[in-house]
Protein backbone atom coordinates (compact mmCIF):
# COMPACT_ATOMS: atom_id res chain seq x y z
CA UNK A 1 -4.01 -13.27 -24.88
CA UNK A 2 -6.67 -10.72 -24.62
CA UNK A 3 -7.63 -8.30 -21.79
CA UNK A 4 -10.72 -10.32 -20.85
CA UNK A 5 -8.71 -13.38 -20.78
CA UNK A 6 -6.63 -11.98 -18.15
CA UNK A 7 -9.97 -10.79 -15.99
CA UNK A 8 -12.05 -14.00 -16.60
CA UNK A 9 -9.74 -16.70 -16.80
CA UNK A 10 -8.00 -18.00 -13.87
CA UNK A 11 -4.94 -19.88 -15.50
CA UNK A 12 -4.22 -16.29 -17.27
CA UNK A 13 -4.49 -14.97 -13.86
CA UNK A 14 -2.22 -16.22 -12.40
CA UNK A 15 0.27 -15.90 -15.46
CA UNK A 16 -0.57 -12.44 -14.99
CA UNK A 17 0.38 -12.52 -11.06
CA UNK A 18 3.90 -14.10 -12.08
CA UNK A 19 4.79 -11.92 -14.11
CA UNK A 20 3.82 -8.95 -11.46
CA UNK A 21 6.33 -10.96 -9.19
CA UNK A 22 9.17 -11.79 -11.17
CA UNK A 23 9.38 -9.44 -14.15
CA UNK A 24 10.68 -5.43 -14.14
CA UNK A 25 8.59 -2.75 -15.06
CA UNK A 26 10.08 -2.04 -18.21
CA UNK A 27 9.39 -5.20 -20.06
CA UNK A 28 6.27 -5.98 -18.52
CA UNK A 29 4.63 -2.15 -19.53
CA UNK A 30 6.20 -3.07 -22.94
CA UNK A 31 4.21 -6.75 -22.62
CA UNK A 32 1.11 -4.95 -21.12
CA UNK A 33 1.42 -2.89 -24.28
CA UNK A 34 1.46 -5.51 -26.85
CA UNK A 35 -1.29 -7.47 -24.77
CA UNK A 36 -3.94 -4.44 -24.81
CA UNK A 37 -3.45 -3.64 -28.32
CA UNK A 38 -3.72 -7.49 -29.96
CA UNK A 39 -6.91 -7.70 -27.66
CA UNK A 40 -8.47 -4.79 -29.21
CA UNK A 41 -8.67 -6.63 -32.34
CA UNK A 42 -9.60 -9.87 -31.38
CA UNK A 43 -13.09 -10.43 -32.55
CA UNK A 44 -14.36 -12.71 -29.63
CA UNK A 45 -13.91 -9.85 -27.57
CA UNK A 46 -15.50 -7.14 -29.49
CA UNK A 47 -18.85 -7.15 -27.15
CA UNK A 48 -16.66 -6.04 -24.30
CA UNK A 49 -14.83 -3.39 -26.61
CA UNK A 50 -18.41 -2.63 -28.01
CA UNK A 51 -19.45 -1.75 -24.24
CA UNK A 52 -16.49 0.44 -23.27
CA UNK A 53 -16.93 2.47 -26.75
CA UNK A 54 -20.45 2.84 -25.66
CA UNK A 55 -19.90 3.63 -22.18
CA UNK A 56 -17.39 6.58 -23.44
CA UNK A 57 -19.25 8.16 -26.24
CA UNK A 58 -21.61 8.39 -23.45
CA UNK A 59 -20.13 10.27 -20.65
CA UNK A 60 -18.01 12.34 -23.36
CA UNK A 61 -21.56 13.21 -24.75
CA UNK A 62 -21.14 11.94 -28.09
CA UNK A 63 -18.62 14.06 -29.13
CA UNK A 64 -16.09 11.86 -29.85
CA UNK A 65 -15.26 10.13 -33.21
CA UNK A 66 -13.98 6.90 -34.07
CA UNK A 67 -10.36 6.99 -34.09
CA UNK A 68 -10.29 8.93 -30.79
CA UNK A 69 -12.12 6.16 -28.95
CA UNK A 70 -10.27 3.78 -30.58
CA UNK A 71 -7.46 5.50 -28.75
CA UNK A 72 -9.35 5.78 -25.42
CA UNK A 73 -10.70 2.39 -25.04
CA UNK A 74 -6.82 1.17 -25.93
CA UNK A 75 -5.48 3.77 -22.83
CA UNK A 76 -8.00 1.95 -20.74
CA UNK A 77 -6.93 -1.22 -21.63
CA UNK A 78 -3.39 -0.08 -20.80
CA UNK A 79 -4.04 1.29 -17.73
CA UNK A 80 -6.24 -1.65 -16.72
CA UNK A 81 -3.62 -3.88 -16.99
CA UNK A 82 -0.74 -1.78 -15.38
CA UNK A 83 -2.91 -1.17 -12.60
CA UNK A 84 -2.61 -4.85 -12.02
CA UNK A 85 0.98 -5.59 -12.28
CA UNK A 86 1.60 -2.64 -9.95
CA UNK A 87 -0.31 -4.14 -7.10
CA UNK A 88 1.16 -7.88 -7.98
CA UNK A 89 5.06 -6.35 -8.29
CA UNK A 90 4.37 -4.47 -4.58
CA UNK A 91 2.06 -6.69 -3.61
CA UNK A 92 4.64 -7.70 -0.66
CA UNK A 93 6.63 -4.29 -0.55
CA UNK A 94 4.27 -2.47 1.66
CA UNK A 95 6.51 0.61 1.78
CA UNK A 96 7.20 0.76 -1.98
CA UNK A 97 2.87 0.94 -2.25
CA UNK A 98 2.85 3.55 0.14
CA UNK A 99 5.67 5.72 -1.88
CA UNK A 100 3.75 5.07 -4.81
CA UNK A 101 -0.17 6.12 -3.65
CA UNK A 102 -0.71 9.62 -1.71
CA UNK A 103 -3.91 11.16 -0.12
CA UNK A 104 -5.91 14.13 -1.51
CA UNK A 105 -6.97 16.27 1.38
CA UNK A 106 -10.15 15.10 1.37
CA UNK A 107 -9.23 11.39 1.94
CA UNK A 108 -6.63 12.36 4.29
CA UNK A 109 -9.29 13.41 6.46
CA UNK A 110 -11.47 11.03 6.29
CA UNK A 111 -8.49 8.04 6.33
CA UNK A 112 -6.63 9.51 9.61
CA UNK A 113 -9.63 10.20 11.74
CA UNK A 114 -11.95 7.51 10.14
CA UNK A 115 -16.01 7.19 11.22
CA UNK A 116 -18.57 5.12 10.13
CA UNK A 117 -19.33 5.39 6.59
CA UNK A 118 -20.24 3.88 3.16
CA UNK A 119 -17.05 4.13 0.29
CA UNK A 120 -18.15 3.52 -2.78
CA UNK A 121 -15.30 3.70 -5.56
CA UNK A 122 -16.40 4.01 -9.37
CA UNK A 123 -14.26 1.62 -11.53
CA UNK A 124 -11.41 4.17 -12.43
CA UNK A 125 -8.48 3.97 -11.56
CA UNK A 126 -7.19 1.25 -9.78
CA UNK A 127 -9.88 0.04 -7.20
CA UNK A 128 -7.73 -2.84 -5.92
CA UNK A 129 -4.94 -0.26 -4.82
CA UNK A 130 -7.59 2.18 -2.95
CA UNK A 131 -8.97 -1.09 -1.43
CA UNK A 132 -5.22 -1.90 0.27
CA UNK A 133 -4.41 1.72 1.05
CA UNK A 134 -8.13 2.48 2.52
CA UNK A 135 -7.57 -1.19 4.54
CA UNK A 136 -3.89 0.24 5.94
CA UNK A 137 -6.01 2.68 7.93
CA UNK A 138 -8.97 0.52 8.30
CA UNK A 139 -8.44 -3.07 9.13
CA UNK A 140 -10.47 -5.52 7.68
CA UNK A 141 -13.00 -3.19 6.16
CA UNK A 142 -15.94 -5.03 4.57
CA UNK A 143 -15.92 -4.99 1.12
CA UNK A 144 -19.13 -5.98 -0.72
CA UNK A 145 -18.06 -7.22 -4.42
CA UNK A 146 -20.10 -8.94 -6.73
CA UNK A 147 -22.83 -11.55 -5.69
CA UNK A 148 -21.74 -14.81 -7.91
CA UNK A 149 -17.94 -14.17 -8.51
CA UNK A 150 -16.26 -15.72 -11.33
CA UNK A 151 -13.42 -17.94 -10.94
CA UNK A 152 -10.70 -15.11 -11.52
CA UNK A 153 -12.83 -12.74 -9.35
CA UNK A 154 -12.54 -15.32 -6.75
CA UNK A 155 -9.01 -15.50 -7.22
CA UNK A 156 -8.50 -11.74 -6.92
CA UNK A 157 -10.65 -11.35 -3.76
CA UNK A 158 -8.40 -13.94 -2.52
CA UNK A 159 -5.74 -11.68 -2.64
CA UNK A 160 -7.86 -8.53 -0.85
CA UNK A 161 -8.04 -10.71 1.60
CA UNK A 162 -4.32 -10.94 2.31
CA UNK A 163 -4.28 -7.38 2.05
CA UNK A 164 -6.81 -7.13 4.99
CA UNK A 165 -9.94 -6.24 3.38
CA UNK A 166 -12.98 -8.87 4.73
CA UNK A 167 -14.35 -9.52 1.08
CA UNK A 168 -18.42 -10.63 1.10
CA UNK A 169 -20.01 -11.31 -1.98
CA UNK A 170 -23.11 -9.37 -2.40
CA UNK A 171 -26.27 -11.46 -0.39
CA UNK A 172 -29.13 -11.01 2.47
CA UNK A 173 -26.06 -12.06 4.95
CA UNK A 174 -23.71 -9.31 3.87
CA UNK A 175 -26.20 -6.85 3.87
CA UNK A 176 -26.80 -8.06 7.83
CA UNK A 177 -23.05 -7.43 8.17
CA UNK A 178 -23.16 -3.96 6.99
CA UNK A 179 -25.88 -3.23 8.87
CA UNK A 180 -24.15 -4.12 11.85
CA UNK A 181 -20.67 -2.86 11.14
CA UNK A 182 -22.21 0.65 10.13
CA UNK A 183 -24.63 0.86 13.09
CA UNK A 184 -21.19 0.32 15.49
CA UNK A 185 -19.04 2.86 14.29
CA UNK A 186 -17.16 1.06 11.26
CA UNK A 187 -17.19 1.55 7.74
CA UNK A 188 -18.08 -0.80 4.37
CA UNK A 189 -16.77 -0.51 1.07
CA UNK A 190 -18.19 -1.28 -2.26
CA UNK A 191 -18.15 -0.72 -6.10
CA UNK A 192 -20.79 2.36 -7.45
CA UNK A 193 -21.73 1.70 -11.23
CA UNK A 194 -21.25 -1.98 -12.05
CA UNK A 195 -24.87 -2.08 -14.22
CA UNK A 196 -27.18 -4.22 -12.31
CA UNK A 197 -30.13 -5.15 -15.31
CA UNK A 198 -32.49 -6.38 -12.49
CA UNK A 199 -32.39 -3.15 -10.46
CA UNK A 200 -36.14 -1.75 -10.67
CA UNK A 201 -34.18 1.87 -10.18
CA UNK A 202 -33.14 3.84 -12.96
CA UNK A 203 -31.52 6.55 -11.91
CA UNK A 204 -29.78 9.57 -14.05
CA UNK A 205 -25.93 8.87 -14.84
CA UNK A 206 -24.28 11.22 -17.53
CA UNK A 207 -27.57 12.55 -18.01
CA UNK A 208 -29.04 8.94 -19.23
CA UNK A 209 -31.27 6.56 -16.96
CA UNK A 210 -29.34 3.40 -15.96
CA UNK A 211 -30.10 0.34 -13.99
CA UNK A 212 -27.57 0.56 -11.24
CA UNK A 213 -27.52 -0.60 -7.84
CA UNK A 214 -28.77 1.11 -4.92
CA UNK A 215 -27.53 -0.66 -2.32
CA UNK A 216 -25.03 1.57 -0.67
CA UNK A 217 -27.98 4.01 -0.57
CA UNK A 218 -30.38 1.72 1.42
CA UNK A 219 -27.34 1.06 3.61
CA UNK A 220 -26.52 4.81 4.51
CA UNK A 221 -30.49 5.61 4.93
CA UNK A 222 -30.93 2.84 7.09
CA UNK A 223 -27.75 3.46 9.48
CA UNK A 224 -27.68 7.20 9.06
CA UNK A 225 -23.98 7.17 7.69
CA UNK A 226 -22.90 9.43 5.09
CA UNK A 227 -21.35 8.30 1.18
CA UNK A 228 -17.65 8.71 0.51
CA UNK A 229 -16.94 8.19 -3.60
CA UNK A 230 -13.00 7.55 -3.45
CA UNK A 231 -10.68 6.35 -6.24
CA UNK A 232 -7.12 5.62 -6.67
CA UNK A 233 -6.37 7.44 -9.88
CA UNK A 234 -2.82 6.96 -11.50
CA UNK A 235 -1.24 10.61 -12.39
CA UNK A 236 1.37 11.56 -14.65
CA UNK A 237 4.75 9.64 -13.99
CA UNK A 238 3.30 6.72 -12.15
CA UNK A 239 2.14 7.29 -8.72
CA UNK A 240 -1.32 7.22 -7.48
CA UNK A 241 -3.44 10.25 -5.89
CA UNK A 242 -6.11 8.43 -3.30
CA UNK A 243 -9.12 11.17 -4.75
CA UNK A 244 -12.36 11.59 -2.26
CA UNK A 245 -15.52 13.72 -2.21
CA UNK A 246 -17.28 15.57 0.96
CA UNK A 247 -19.07 13.01 2.96
CA UNK A 248 -22.84 13.34 1.68
CA UNK A 249 -25.13 12.48 4.35
CA UNK A 250 -28.43 11.04 2.20
CA UNK A 251 -31.35 13.55 2.43
CA UNK A 252 -34.88 11.95 3.81
CA UNK A 253 -37.83 12.11 1.43
CA UNK A 254 -41.32 10.76 2.25
CA UNK A 255 -42.03 8.59 -0.46
CA UNK A 256 -39.56 6.08 -0.50
CA UNK A 257 -38.51 5.44 -4.10
CA UNK A 258 -37.79 9.58 -4.47
CA UNK A 259 -35.52 9.21 -1.83
CA UNK A 260 -33.81 6.55 -3.04
CA UNK A 261 -33.65 7.77 -6.45
CA UNK A 262 -32.44 11.50 -5.14
CA UNK A 263 -29.79 9.92 -3.14
CA UNK A 264 -28.46 7.52 -5.66
CA UNK A 265 -28.41 10.57 -8.40
CA UNK A 266 -26.46 12.86 -5.65
CA UNK A 267 -23.77 9.95 -5.47
CA UNK A 268 -23.47 9.44 -8.80
CA UNK A 269 -22.76 12.93 -9.53
CA UNK A 270 -19.95 13.26 -7.63
CA UNK A 271 -18.70 10.09 -9.01
CA UNK A 272 -19.49 11.41 -12.98
CA UNK A 273 -16.78 14.20 -11.32
CA UNK A 274 -14.15 11.67 -10.43
CA UNK A 275 -14.86 9.17 -13.78
CA UNK A 276 -13.86 12.74 -15.98
CA UNK A 277 -10.83 13.70 -13.70
CA UNK A 278 -9.12 10.61 -15.83
CA UNK A 279 -11.79 8.96 -18.07
CA UNK A 280 -9.17 6.80 -19.43
CA UNK A 281 -8.70 5.11 -16.28
CA UNK A 282 -12.57 4.23 -16.54
CA UNK A 283 -12.36 0.39 -16.99
CA UNK A 284 -16.21 -0.53 -17.27
CA UNK A 285 -16.24 -3.38 -19.25
CA UNK A 286 -19.78 -4.14 -18.99
CA UNK A 287 -22.72 -2.38 -20.72
CA UNK A 288 -24.26 1.23 -18.37
CA UNK A 289 -26.34 2.07 -21.34
CA UNK A 290 -27.47 -1.13 -23.59
CA UNK A 291 -29.43 0.94 -25.81
CA UNK A 292 -26.43 3.02 -26.93
CA UNK A 293 -24.47 0.15 -28.49
CA UNK A 294 -26.76 0.66 -31.53
CA UNK A 295 -25.92 3.88 -31.15
CA UNK A 296 -22.43 5.29 -30.71
CA UNK A 297 -20.02 5.04 -33.37
CA UNK A 298 -17.38 1.94 -33.79
CA UNK A 299 -14.09 2.03 -34.31
CA UNK A 300 -13.69 0.90 -38.08
CA UNK A 301 -11.94 -2.46 -36.64
CA UNK A 302 -15.25 -3.50 -35.56
CA UNK A 303 -17.37 -2.20 -37.86
CA UNK A 304 -15.00 -4.93 -40.04
CA UNK A 305 -15.50 -7.54 -37.24
CA UNK A 306 -19.04 -7.37 -37.23
CA UNK A 307 -20.79 -6.87 -40.55
């Protein structure tokens, strides 16, 4: 069973969910390491592995060699699965979850006195633990998810709703709801950097143009609320710390496209800083820069699998 089996297969998803409920941490973390190592060797998942390699190669300015990239991607797979285990293992024990999640000063300042804001999370650390913690302070916060979730993603969204999130797959109706909530003083949360190939905007991300969503920028401009970048990053010892940027106000510009691009790049810059706090926790399994798939050095096992 590989990492994408777990992420995309509902039966495997239920297996991991049950593992989190019944298996002790020591055994589960051992099993996770084994599964992650096996997934690195499976040809059927090399496309996703290549995407991770290429993404990491870019954010490290093309300075990592094959061996270091291989080790980094393996650590990322292990982290991703550990994050899910920690959530499922403690899902019915909120007191335990609270003991393993702390707040940075910026996060505490916002969550203790929340106000209307767009919250965006890069895919670093545990997005689900971030959302769970936010929901403790802001019950029924709207979370805009991917437009057409897979079956396993639907199961994850079901669990997210049980933690207090109002999960709404991206749609015109979801965006109208977000505008209404923001204008009424509430907050909305969504992801930051999942590739969006159909976007007509390509803001700079780690110095390279990338087709990324700008919905959060549009919503913030429309409702005149700030954007806060947040992530739950695992610390040495296993606990998590909620990091948050300062509130970022949108800057108007007379040219609409320039307005979108400039504000998107400001938010992405804050996202870059958060990703680099723990680059081995950046679980982006989709190629943000597809052209880099042919430039980045591939670990030896991928080269052998793809002659």
